[in-house]
Amino acid sequence: MRTTFLPALVLAVLLGTAWNATAQPAPWEPERSTAGWVFTPAVGLGGLWDSNTTLVVKGGEQLKEWVGLVNPRGEIAFNGQHTHFDLGYSGALEAYQTLAALTRYDQAGRLSLRHQASPRLAFTGDSSVNLNPTTERLQIGSVPFENVGSTLVDNRGAASYSLSQRTSITGSYNLEWISFDRQPTSLSTLQGGHSHTVLGTVSHVLNSRASIGGSYSFEHANTGGGFVIVNVQDAIGTVSYQLAAHTSVMGGAGLSQLNIPQVGEVQRGPSLHARLTHQYNRTQIEIGYDRSFVPSWSFGGTSTNEELRTSAFFPITNRVSVNLGVSYSRNDPIISTGDLLGLNSWWTGGSVGYAAARWLRIEGFYNGSFQDSTARGEVNRRRIGIQIVTSKPVRIQ
């Protein structure tokens, strides 16, 4: 069985997507393998309890509230011999019972395309848009938790080519754009920005269990509302090893360099990546660690970012499944054109789903978020709820 850097990266992205889904009550339907075109309309109805509706810091008056939930969604997918296409939309109306001013409508959209042009050449493309009522739901470690509307757009495209049975190369491009609603807050310098990242990787299979490779990436970011330029370069060597039939590990180490042209400052440091993945039938488990330089979307400048993530999906029975996830992010500022912002952030989430019928599913969910920042102090939030989801796939002839 071939173990390469690209499959490990793809699996990490898929599991990362699964983890994000636990932070909200299942915004997407599971991917289907039905051939041809399939349209899947769905709607979820339920409620949740919110322990800190306005993200007040520890010691302040935290407003607790029961919230009604309506989640309409729809997806259209195509599965062909060489091509997969998926387009989806999900909205979530959260109706607060006594704090009506907090009633909001979250929205998310995604587009995915995979095409095997030839036995050696493959293309992938992914695009997502998320409109959230708070910064905490973005799950970005370099952003302080605030009760501020946030928009995140993420576009990725990649091409992979097999030079031989053992060697493959991949090139990808990523555009990320983030913005915040303009409204008075205690952190009025939430300014957003955008970044362009180009990544090239090469992987060579040594034997049935091990492969080696390397990657180089260059990120050009406009932060601080577009007035601060940050350039980050990463060069990493990687090793992948298959521990068992369904378990693999990947590690990478290298050098990261950042530069802020306005101040003529250059910093260098280690760049580290590690993944442990297990996949058997429908069970999926991932543990990941990353350390690198990242741009700051709040005050401009940059910081050293360390992230530790774990996620797991377990089918208990044919009808019952469990989805769990924990993510930790630590940001230490090393260069700043303004305020120095240190952040320690945790996200925990879990859901239990019961398929009462092919068209009916009951989901119980929980997510918690915690952040300690030098700007605001400690912020805690817990949300727990239940919803009933109806969906009916329709084949399009």
Protein backbone atom coordinates (compact mmCIF):
# COMPACT_ATOMS: atom_id res chain seq x y z
CA MET A 1 0.00 0.00 0.00
CA ARG A 2 1.50 3.34 -1.01
CA THR A 3 2.06 5.85 1.79
CA THR A 4 2.80 9.31 0.45
CA PHE A 5 2.72 12.86 1.73
CA LEU A 6 -0.23 13.79 -0.50
CA PRO A 7 -2.68 11.17 0.83
CA ALA A 8 -1.66 12.07 4.37
CA LEU A 9 -2.31 15.73 3.62
CA VAL A 10 -5.67 15.00 2.01
CA LEU A 11 -6.72 12.85 4.97
CA ALA A 12 -5.69 15.57 7.39
CA VAL A 13 -7.79 18.11 5.47
CA LEU A 14 -10.81 15.81 5.47
CA LEU A 15 -10.50 15.09 9.18
CA GLY A 16 -9.98 18.78 9.86
CA THR A 17 -13.26 19.44 8.05
CA ALA A 18 -14.94 16.80 10.18
CA TRP A 19 -13.66 18.50 13.34
CA ASN A 20 -15.04 21.87 12.29
CA ALA A 21 -18.41 20.23 11.82
CA THR A 22 -18.53 19.26 15.51
CA ALA A 23 -18.39 22.92 16.52
CA GLN A 24 -21.89 23.33 15.11
CA PRO A 25 -24.69 20.74 14.81
CA ALA A 26 -23.68 18.82 11.65
CA PRO A 27 -23.98 21.50 8.95
CA TRP A 28 -23.37 19.02 6.10
CA GLU A 29 -24.71 15.67 5.00
CA PRO A 30 -22.23 12.76 4.71
CA GLU A 31 -20.61 12.43 1.28
CA ARG A 32 -22.46 9.96 -0.93
CA SER A 33 -21.02 7.51 -3.46
CA THR A 34 -24.16 7.25 -5.61
CA ALA A 35 -23.26 7.49 -9.29
CA GLY A 36 -24.59 10.44 -11.30
CA TRP A 37 -26.28 13.59 -10.05
CA VAL A 38 -27.92 13.63 -6.61
CA PHE A 39 -29.72 16.54 -4.92
CA THR A 40 -30.12 16.36 -1.13
CA PRO A 41 -32.41 18.89 0.57
CA ALA A 42 -32.44 18.80 4.39
CA VAL A 43 -33.69 20.74 7.36
CA GLY A 44 -32.84 20.56 11.07
CA LEU A 45 -35.07 21.69 13.94
CA GLY A 46 -34.00 21.85 17.56
CA GLY A 47 -32.63 23.97 20.36
CA LEU A 48 -29.53 24.64 22.43
CA TRP A 49 -28.39 26.21 25.68
CA ASP A 50 -25.76 28.97 25.46
CA SER A 51 -23.73 29.73 28.61
CA ASN A 52 -22.22 33.05 27.43
CA THR A 53 -24.23 34.60 24.62
CA THR A 54 -22.15 37.78 24.26
CA LEU A 55 -18.68 36.34 25.06
CA VAL A 56 -18.26 38.35 28.26
CA VAL A 57 -14.89 37.92 30.00
CA LYS A 58 -14.56 35.98 33.25
CA GLY A 59 -15.84 38.02 36.16
CA GLY A 60 -18.39 39.89 34.07
CA GLU A 61 -22.13 39.27 33.89
CA GLN A 62 -22.50 36.32 31.53
CA LEU A 63 -25.91 36.09 29.89
CA LYS A 64 -27.27 32.54 29.58
CA GLU A 65 -30.04 31.72 27.15
CA TRP A 66 -32.09 28.96 25.53
CA VAL A 67 -31.97 29.24 21.76
CA GLY A 68 -34.28 27.85 19.07
CA LEU A 69 -32.50 26.40 16.04
CA VAL A 70 -33.61 26.08 12.41
CA ASN A 71 -31.03 24.73 9.95
CA PRO A 72 -32.07 24.58 6.26
CA ARG A 73 -29.49 23.14 3.87
CA GLY A 74 -29.08 21.70 0.42
CA GLU A 75 -26.39 19.92 -1.57
CA ILE A 76 -26.00 18.81 -5.15
CA ALA A 77 -23.32 16.25 -5.99
CA PHE A 78 -22.05 14.40 -9.05
CA ASN A 79 -20.06 11.18 -9.02
CA GLY A 80 -18.59 10.08 -12.33
CA GLN A 81 -15.91 7.63 -13.35
CA HIS A 82 -13.17 10.25 -13.10
CA THR A 83 -14.89 13.31 -11.59
CA HIS A 84 -16.53 14.22 -8.29
CA PHE A 85 -18.38 17.52 -7.78
CA ASP A 86 -20.17 18.84 -4.69
CA LEU A 87 -21.92 22.15 -4.07
CA GLY A 88 -23.61 22.86 -0.76
CA TYR A 89 -25.30 25.57 1.30
CA SER A 90 -26.17 25.52 4.99
CA GLY A 91 -27.87 28.19 7.07
CA ALA A 92 -28.62 28.29 10.79
CA LEU A 93 -31.22 30.58 12.34
CA GLU A 94 -30.58 30.89 16.08
CA ALA A 95 -33.61 32.49 17.72
CA TYR A 96 -32.87 33.75 21.24
CA GLN A 97 -35.92 33.64 23.51
CA THR A 98 -35.40 36.77 25.65
CA LEU A 99 -32.36 38.39 24.01
CA ALA A 100 -34.02 38.95 20.65
CA ALA A 101 -31.29 41.36 19.52
CA LEU A 102 -28.87 38.43 19.40
CA THR A 103 -30.97 36.45 16.92
CA ARG A 104 -28.74 35.79 13.91
CA TYR A 105 -28.56 33.73 10.77
CA ASP A 106 -25.26 31.89 10.20
CA GLN A 107 -24.45 30.91 6.64
CA ALA A 108 -21.94 28.53 5.09
CA GLY A 109 -21.25 27.41 1.54
CA ARG A 110 -18.81 24.97 0.02
CA LEU A 111 -17.68 23.80 -3.40
CA SER A 112 -15.52 20.74 -4.04
CA LEU A 113 -14.16 19.31 -7.29
CA ARG A 114 -11.90 16.31 -7.89
CA HIS A 115 -10.91 15.15 -11.36
CA GLN A 116 -8.60 12.31 -12.42
CA ALA A 117 -7.47 13.58 -15.81
CA SER A 118 -5.23 10.57 -16.46
CA PRO A 119 -3.68 7.72 -14.46
CA ARG A 120 -0.86 10.12 -13.55
CA LEU A 121 -2.53 13.53 -13.38
CA ALA A 122 -5.21 14.63 -10.89
CA PHE A 123 -6.78 17.98 -10.02
CA THR A 124 -8.59 19.09 -6.85
CA GLY A 125 -10.35 22.29 -5.93
CA ASP A 126 -12.13 23.38 -2.75
CA SER A 127 -13.84 26.61 -1.82
CA SER A 128 -15.70 27.55 1.35
CA VAL A 129 -17.46 30.64 2.71
CA ASN A 130 -18.45 31.04 6.36
CA LEU A 131 -20.40 33.96 7.84
CA ASN A 132 -20.35 33.74 11.64
CA PRO A 133 -21.82 35.99 14.37
CA THR A 134 -18.66 35.75 16.52
CA THR A 135 -14.91 35.44 15.94
CA GLU A 136 -14.72 32.41 18.24
CA ARG A 137 -16.55 30.23 15.71
CA LEU A 138 -13.86 30.83 13.09
CA GLN A 139 -11.54 28.53 15.09
CA ILE A 140 -8.49 30.60 14.12
CA GLY A 141 -5.95 30.75 16.92
CA SER A 142 -4.59 34.18 15.98
CA VAL A 143 -7.95 35.96 16.49
CA PRO A 144 -9.31 37.04 19.90
CA PHE A 145 -12.81 35.87 20.88
CA GLU A 146 -15.23 38.75 20.28
CA ASN A 147 -18.97 39.11 19.76
CA VAL A 148 -18.31 40.48 16.27
CA GLY A 149 -19.64 39.23 12.94
CA SER A 150 -16.92 37.53 10.89
CA THR A 151 -16.54 36.32 7.31
CA LEU A 152 -13.96 33.75 6.21
CA VAL A 153 -13.39 32.76 2.55
CA ASP A 154 -10.99 29.93 1.77
CA ASN A 155 -10.15 28.84 -1.80
CA ARG A 156 -7.74 26.01 -2.63
CA GLY A 157 -6.61 24.42 -5.87
CA ALA A 158 -4.05 21.66 -6.45
CA ALA A 159 -2.61 19.46 -9.19
CA SER A 160 -0.68 16.25 -8.55
CA TYR A 161 1.39 14.29 -11.06
CA SER A 162 3.02 10.88 -10.72
CA LEU A 163 6.48 10.99 -12.26
CA SER A 164 6.78 7.23 -11.74
CA GLN A 165 5.21 4.49 -9.65
CA ARG A 166 7.23 5.71 -6.68
CA THR A 167 7.59 9.47 -7.14
CA SER A 168 4.91 12.16 -7.29
CA ILE A 169 4.81 15.95 -7.19
CA THR A 170 2.04 18.32 -6.13
CA GLY A 171 1.51 22.03 -6.60
CA SER A 172 -1.23 24.02 -4.88
CA TYR A 173 -2.48 27.57 -4.40
CA ASN A 174 -4.55 28.90 -1.49
CA LEU A 175 -6.36 32.23 -1.17
CA GLU A 176 -7.70 33.11 2.27
CA TRP A 177 -9.71 36.25 3.03
CA ILE A 178 -11.10 37.32 6.39
CA SER A 179 -13.12 40.36 7.42
CA PHE A 180 -14.98 41.61 10.48
CA ASP A 181 -18.14 43.67 10.86
CA ARG A 182 -17.51 47.32 11.62
CA GLN A 183 -18.98 47.90 15.06
CA PRO A 184 -17.71 49.26 18.40
CA THR A 185 -15.92 46.56 20.43
CA SER A 186 -13.31 46.44 23.13
CA LEU A 187 -10.91 45.27 20.42
CA SER A 188 -11.71 47.79 17.70
CA THR A 189 -8.53 46.88 15.80
CA LEU A 190 -9.99 43.65 14.38
CA GLN A 191 -9.09 44.53 10.81
CA GLY A 192 -8.78 41.30 8.81
CA GLY A 193 -6.94 40.94 5.52
CA HIS A 194 -6.07 38.29 2.94
CA SER A 195 -3.23 35.95 2.03
CA HIS A 196 -1.89 34.05 -0.99
CA THR A 197 0.00 30.79 -0.45
CA VAL A 198 1.84 28.68 -3.02
CA LEU A 199 2.93 25.18 -1.99
CA GLY A 200 5.03 22.59 -3.79
CA THR A 201 5.65 19.05 -2.53
CA VAL A 202 7.52 15.98 -3.72
CA SER A 203 7.15 12.45 -2.34
CA HIS A 204 9.10 9.28 -3.03
CA VAL A 205 8.01 5.80 -1.90
CA LEU A 206 10.88 3.78 -0.43
CA ASN A 207 8.93 0.58 0.16
CA SER A 208 5.45 -0.66 1.04
CA ARG A 209 5.57 1.12 4.41
CA ALA A 210 7.79 4.18 4.15
CA SER A 211 8.14 7.27 1.98
CA ILE A 212 10.16 10.46 2.16
CA GLY A 213 9.56 13.89 0.70
CA GLY A 214 9.81 17.60 1.07
CA SER A 215 7.79 20.75 0.62
CA TYR A 216 8.28 24.47 0.13
CA SER A 217 5.65 27.14 0.64
CA PHE A 218 5.53 30.91 0.29
CA GLU A 219 2.77 32.97 1.87
CA HIS A 220 2.19 36.64 1.08
CA ALA A 221 -0.31 38.21 3.49
CA ASN A 222 -1.91 41.67 3.70
CA THR A 223 -2.84 42.10 7.35
CA GLY A 224 -3.86 45.02 9.51
CA GLY A 225 -6.67 45.84 7.11
CA GLY A 226 -4.30 45.61 4.13
CA PHE A 227 -1.65 48.02 5.44
CA VAL A 228 0.84 45.49 6.81
CA ILE A 229 2.67 43.08 4.48
CA VAL A 230 3.93 39.76 5.88
CA ASN A 231 5.90 37.17 3.89
CA VAL A 232 6.40 33.67 5.34
CA GLN A 233 8.51 30.91 3.77
CA ASP A 234 8.63 27.28 4.91
CA ALA A 235 11.00 24.53 3.73
CA ILE A 236 10.30 21.12 5.28
CA GLY A 237 11.53 17.55 4.92
CA THR A 238 8.95 14.82 5.57
CA VAL A 239 8.88 11.13 6.45
CA SER A 240 5.77 8.92 6.30
CA TYR A 241 5.54 5.43 7.76
CA GLN A 242 2.71 2.94 7.89
CA LEU A 243 2.66 1.49 11.40
CA ALA A 244 -0.10 -1.02 10.67
CA ALA A 245 -2.63 -1.89 8.00
CA HIS A 246 -4.85 1.07 8.87
CA THR A 247 -2.52 3.34 10.83
CA SER A 248 0.14 5.72 9.54
CA VAL A 249 2.34 8.46 10.93
CA MET A 250 3.89 11.46 9.19
CA GLY A 251 6.48 13.87 10.53
CA GLY A 252 8.15 16.92 9.07
CA ALA A 253 10.79 19.39 10.21
CA GLY A 254 12.42 22.36 8.57
CA LEU A 255 13.03 26.08 8.64
CA SER A 256 10.50 28.91 8.60
CA GLN A 257 11.37 32.52 7.74
CA LEU A 258 9.20 35.60 7.95
CA ASN A 259 9.75 39.11 6.74
CA ILE A 260 7.86 42.38 7.25
CA PRO A 261 9.16 44.75 4.55
CA GLN A 262 7.82 47.93 6.20
CA VAL A 263 10.11 47.56 9.19
CA GLY A 264 12.85 45.57 7.45
CA GLU A 265 12.71 42.84 10.07
CA VAL A 266 13.47 39.15 9.41
CA GLN A 267 12.95 36.24 11.79
CA ARG A 268 13.82 32.54 11.42
CA GLY A 269 12.68 29.56 13.42
CA PRO A 270 11.81 25.86 13.26
CA SER A 271 8.77 24.62 11.36
CA LEU A 272 7.36 21.33 12.64
CA HIS A 273 4.51 19.08 11.54
CA ALA A 274 3.31 15.69 12.79
CA ARG A 275 0.27 13.49 12.05
CA LEU A 276 -0.99 10.17 13.33
CA THR A 277 -4.00 8.83 11.41
CA HIS A 278 -6.07 5.68 11.74
CA GLN A 279 -8.85 4.74 9.36
CA TYR A 280 -10.71 1.45 9.38
CA ASN A 281 -14.07 1.04 7.67
CA ARG A 282 -15.93 4.15 8.88
CA THR A 283 -13.76 4.78 11.95
CA GLN A 284 -11.43 7.78 11.58
CA ILE A 285 -8.92 9.06 14.15
CA GLU A 286 -6.35 11.85 13.76
CA ILE A 287 -3.83 13.51 16.05
CA GLY A 288 -1.89 16.43 14.60
CA TYR A 289 0.67 19.02 15.69
CA ASP A 290 1.96 22.08 13.80
CA ARG A 291 4.38 24.86 14.62
CA SER A 292 5.05 27.76 12.25
CA PHE A 293 4.87 31.52 11.77
CA VAL A 294 1.40 32.86 10.96
CA PRO A 295 0.04 36.33 10.09
CA SER A 296 -2.19 38.05 12.64
CA TRP A 297 -5.67 38.99 11.39
CA SER A 298 -6.37 41.28 14.33
CA PHE A 299 -3.54 43.72 14.99
CA GLY A 300 -1.25 43.02 12.05
CA GLY A 301 2.27 41.66 12.34
CA THR A 302 2.82 37.98 12.99
CA SER A 303 3.26 35.39 15.72
CA THR A 304 4.57 31.92 16.43
CA ASN A 305 1.64 29.54 16.26
CA GLU A 306 1.47 26.08 17.81
CA GLU A 307 -1.56 23.88 17.22
CA LEU A 308 -2.51 20.49 18.62
CA ARG A 309 -5.60 18.79 17.23
CA THR A 310 -7.31 15.48 17.71
CA SER A 311 -10.52 14.24 16.15
CA ALA A 312 -12.34 10.93 16.05
CA PHE A 313 -15.41 9.45 14.39
CA PHE A 314 -16.79 6.14 15.68
CA PRO A 315 -19.78 4.20 14.32
CA ILE A 316 -21.14 2.50 17.46
CA THR A 317 -23.82 0.59 15.54
CA ASN A 318 -25.36 0.86 12.09
CA ARG A 319 -27.63 3.57 13.49
CA VAL A 320 -25.52 5.31 16.16
CA SER A 321 -22.28 7.26 15.58
CA VAL A 322 -20.07 9.49 17.72
CA ASN A 323 -17.95 12.45 16.58
CA LEU A 324 -15.38 14.00 18.96
CA GLY A 325 -12.75 16.70 18.65
CA VAL A 326 -10.32 18.82 20.68
CA SER A 327 -8.16 21.63 19.33
CA TYR A 328 -5.60 23.81 21.09
CA SER A 329 -3.81 26.85 19.67
CA ARG A 330 -1.10 29.00 21.22
CA ASN A 331 0.00 32.28 19.65
CA ASP A 332 3.04 34.16 20.92
CA PRO A 333 3.72 37.53 19.22
CA ILE A 334 7.27 37.98 17.96
CA ILE A 335 6.84 40.94 15.62
CA SER A 336 4.11 43.56 15.78
CA THR A 337 3.44 46.93 14.25
CA GLY A 338 1.07 47.76 17.11
CA ASP A 339 -0.20 45.89 20.16
CA LEU A 340 1.38 42.62 21.29
CA LEU A 341 -1.37 40.00 21.53
CA GLY A 342 -0.77 36.61 23.15
CA LEU A 343 -3.52 34.00 22.86
CA ASN A 344 -4.20 30.55 24.28
CA SER A 345 -7.32 29.00 22.80
CA TRP A 346 -9.19 25.71 23.28
CA TRP A 347 -12.10 24.25 21.34
CA THR A 348 -13.85 21.05 22.37
CA GLY A 349 -16.75 19.44 20.60
CA GLY A 350 -18.75 16.27 20.31
CA SER A 351 -21.93 14.91 18.82
CA VAL A 352 -23.97 11.72 18.96
CA GLY A 353 -26.17 10.85 16.00
CA TYR A 354 -29.01 8.32 15.82
CA ALA A 355 -30.46 7.34 12.44
CA ALA A 356 -34.09 6.70 13.30
CA ALA A 357 -34.88 6.15 9.60
CA ARG A 358 -33.16 6.62 6.26
CA TRP A 359 -34.65 10.12 6.08
CA LEU A 360 -34.61 11.02 9.80
CA ARG A 361 -31.66 11.57 12.16
CA ILE A 362 -31.52 12.78 15.77
CA GLU A 363 -28.35 14.58 16.89
CA GLY A 364 -27.18 15.64 20.32
CA PHE A 365 -24.20 18.00 20.32
CA TYR A 366 -21.86 19.92 22.59
CA ASN A 367 -19.10 22.43 22.00
CA GLY A 368 -17.02 24.51 24.32
CA SER A 369 -14.51 27.28 23.73
CA PHE A 370 -12.00 28.89 26.05
CA GLN A 371 -9.44 31.62 25.47
CA ASP A 372 -6.95 33.46 27.65
CA SER A 373 -5.62 36.58 25.95
CA THR A 374 -3.38 39.46 27.01
CA ALA A 375 -5.97 41.83 25.53
CA ARG A 376 -9.19 40.67 27.23
CA GLY A 377 -8.44 38.02 29.84
CA GLU A 378 -10.38 34.76 30.03
CA VAL A 379 -13.44 34.00 27.91
CA ASN A 380 -15.49 30.80 28.26
CA ARG A 381 -18.48 29.56 26.30
CA ARG A 382 -20.43 26.28 26.29
CA ARG A 383 -23.26 25.28 23.98
CA ILE A 384 -25.24 22.07 24.24
CA GLY A 385 -28.32 21.06 22.32
CA ILE A 386 -30.29 18.62 20.22
CA GLN A 387 -31.86 18.71 16.79
CA ILE A 388 -33.89 16.49 14.45
CA VAL A 389 -32.72 16.41 10.84
CA THR A 390 -34.74 15.24 7.85
CA SER A 391 -33.10 14.68 4.48
CA LYS A 392 -34.11 12.97 1.26
CA PRO A 393 -31.58 12.36 -1.57
CA VAL A 394 -33.12 12.69 -5.03
CA ARG A 395 -31.48 11.21 -8.14
CA ILE A 396 -31.40 13.60 -11.09
CA GLN A 397 -31.80 11.77 -14.40
